[in-house]
Amino acid sequence: MNLIEAVESGHEQGFKVVFNANFINSSNNDVQNVKVRYYEGRSKKEDFVIQDTMENIISQQIYLISKKNS
């Protein structure tokens, strides 16, 4: 599962989705961890980590932002 799939799946299930990617001293091809959390109200329902390259994660974030703003 990639970041887009995780966010869309969470939304389809009715959850608020929060993700956090920190890129520290990395190149585009380094594998990074992205923490993803699903919330129902204020209660955390699920926590997991997605691994992908920094370049892929950034492009997926751009897609999600542009989709949200359209």
C-alpha atoms as a PDB file:
ATOM      1  CA  MET A   1       0.000   0.000   0.000  1.00  0.00           C
ATOM      2  CA  ASN A   2       1.310   3.456  -0.822  1.00  0.00           C
ATOM      3  CA  LEU A   3       0.443   6.764   0.822  1.00  0.00           C
ATOM      4  CA  ILE A   4      -2.374   7.622  -1.607  1.00  0.00           C
ATOM      5  CA  GLU A   5      -4.010   4.226  -1.097  1.00  0.00           C
ATOM      6  CA  ALA A   6      -3.695   4.540   2.684  1.00  0.00           C
ATOM      7  CA  VAL A   7      -5.285   8.004   2.752  1.00  0.00           C
ATOM      8  CA  GLU A   8      -8.093   7.110   0.350  1.00  0.00           C
ATOM      9  CA  SER A   9      -8.818   3.840   2.170  1.00  0.00           C
ATOM     10  CA  GLY A  10      -9.036   5.649   5.496  1.00  0.00           C
ATOM     11  CA  HIS A  11     -11.394   8.270   4.086  1.00  0.00           C
ATOM     12  CA  GLU A  12     -13.593   5.562   2.527  1.00  0.00           C
ATOM     13  CA  GLN A  13     -13.889   3.971   5.980  1.00  0.00           C
ATOM     14  CA  GLY A  14     -14.941   7.321   7.455  1.00  0.00           C
ATOM     15  CA  PHE A  15     -11.710   8.034   9.335  1.00  0.00           C
ATOM     16  CA  LYS A  16      -9.760  11.258   9.640  1.00  0.00           C
ATOM     17  CA  VAL A  17      -6.287  10.469   8.276  1.00  0.00           C
ATOM     18  CA  VAL A  18      -3.062  12.046   9.519  1.00  0.00           C
ATOM     19  CA  PHE A  19       0.370  11.249   8.147  1.00  0.00           C
ATOM     20  CA  ASN A  20       3.865  12.428   8.995  1.00  0.00           C
ATOM     21  CA  ALA A  21       6.969  12.154   6.840  1.00  0.00           C
ATOM     22  CA  ASN A  22      10.291  13.522   8.074  1.00  0.00           C
ATOM     23  CA  PHE A  23      13.162  13.709   5.616  1.00  0.00           C
ATOM     24  CA  ILE A  24      16.446  14.265   7.410  1.00  0.00           C
ATOM     25  CA  ASN A  25      19.762  14.135   5.530  1.00  0.00           C
ATOM     26  CA  SER A  26      18.235  12.096   2.725  1.00  0.00           C
ATOM     27  CA  SER A  27      18.543  11.804  -1.010  1.00  0.00           C
ATOM     28  CA  ASN A  28      15.584  11.204  -3.328  1.00  0.00           C
ATOM     29  CA  ASN A  29      16.218   7.472  -3.570  1.00  0.00           C
ATOM     30  CA  ASP A  30      16.589   6.739   0.149  1.00  0.00           C
ATOM     31  CA  VAL A  31      13.767   4.675   1.615  1.00  0.00           C
ATOM     32  CA  GLN A  32      11.794   6.658   4.173  1.00  0.00           C
ATOM     33  CA  ASN A  33       9.115   5.840   6.728  1.00  0.00           C
ATOM     34  CA  VAL A  34       5.774   7.631   6.757  1.00  0.00           C
ATOM     35  CA  LYS A  35       3.624   7.240   9.872  1.00  0.00           C
ATOM     36  CA  VAL A  36      -0.083   7.046   9.072  1.00  0.00           C
ATOM     37  CA  ARG A  37      -2.849   7.275  11.673  1.00  0.00           C
ATOM     38  CA  TYR A  38      -6.578   6.796  11.349  1.00  0.00           C
ATOM     39  CA  TYR A  39      -8.794   8.651  13.818  1.00  0.00           C
ATOM     40  CA  GLU A  40     -12.477   8.313  14.584  1.00  0.00           C
ATOM     41  CA  GLY A  41     -13.384  11.499  16.414  1.00  0.00           C
ATOM     42  CA  ARG A  42     -10.553  11.941  18.905  1.00  0.00           C
ATOM     43  CA  SER A  43      -9.864   8.221  19.232  1.00  0.00           C
ATOM     44  CA  LYS A  44      -6.904   6.712  17.413  1.00  0.00           C
ATOM     45  CA  LYS A  45      -8.103   3.628  15.521  1.00  0.00           C
ATOM     46  CA  GLU A  46      -5.055   2.441  13.621  1.00  0.00           C
ATOM     47  CA  ASP A  47      -1.355   3.264  13.360  1.00  0.00           C
ATOM     48  CA  PHE A  48       0.984   1.962  10.679  1.00  0.00           C
ATOM     49  CA  VAL A  49       4.108   2.794   8.691  1.00  0.00           C
ATOM     50  CA  ILE A  50       4.525   2.971   4.927  1.00  0.00           C
ATOM     51  CA  GLN A  51       7.987   2.760   3.387  1.00  0.00           C
ATOM     52  CA  ASP A  52       8.795   4.391   0.059  1.00  0.00           C
ATOM     53  CA  THR A  53      11.415   6.628  -1.517  1.00  0.00           C
ATOM     54  CA  MET A  54      11.413  10.313  -0.657  1.00  0.00           C
ATOM     55  CA  GLU A  55      10.690  11.194  -4.289  1.00  0.00           C
ATOM     56  CA  ASN A  56       7.605   8.945  -4.406  1.00  0.00           C
ATOM     57  CA  ILE A  57       6.305  10.183  -1.066  1.00  0.00           C
ATOM     58  CA  ILE A  58       6.612  13.833  -2.094  1.00  0.00           C
ATOM     59  CA  SER A  59       4.846  13.233  -5.419  1.00  0.00           C
ATOM     60  CA  GLN A  60       2.043  11.388  -3.588  1.00  0.00           C
ATOM     61  CA  GLN A  61       1.697  14.278  -1.110  1.00  0.00           C
ATOM     62  CA  ILE A  62       1.434  16.749  -4.007  1.00  0.00           C
ATOM     63  CA  TYR A  63      -1.276  14.595  -5.596  1.00  0.00           C
ATOM     64  CA  LEU A  64      -3.250  14.413  -2.337  1.00  0.00           C
ATOM     65  CA  ILE A  65      -3.002  18.181  -1.774  1.00  0.00           C
ATOM     66  CA  SER A  66      -4.042  19.017  -5.342  1.00  0.00           C
ATOM     67  CA  LYS A  67      -6.961  16.568  -5.110  1.00  0.00           C
ATOM     68  CA  LYS A  68      -8.104  18.116  -1.821  1.00  0.00           C
ATOM     69  CA  ASN A  69      -7.901  21.650  -3.250  1.00  0.00           C
ATOM     70  CA  SER A  70      -9.778  20.902  -6.481  1.00  0.00           C
END
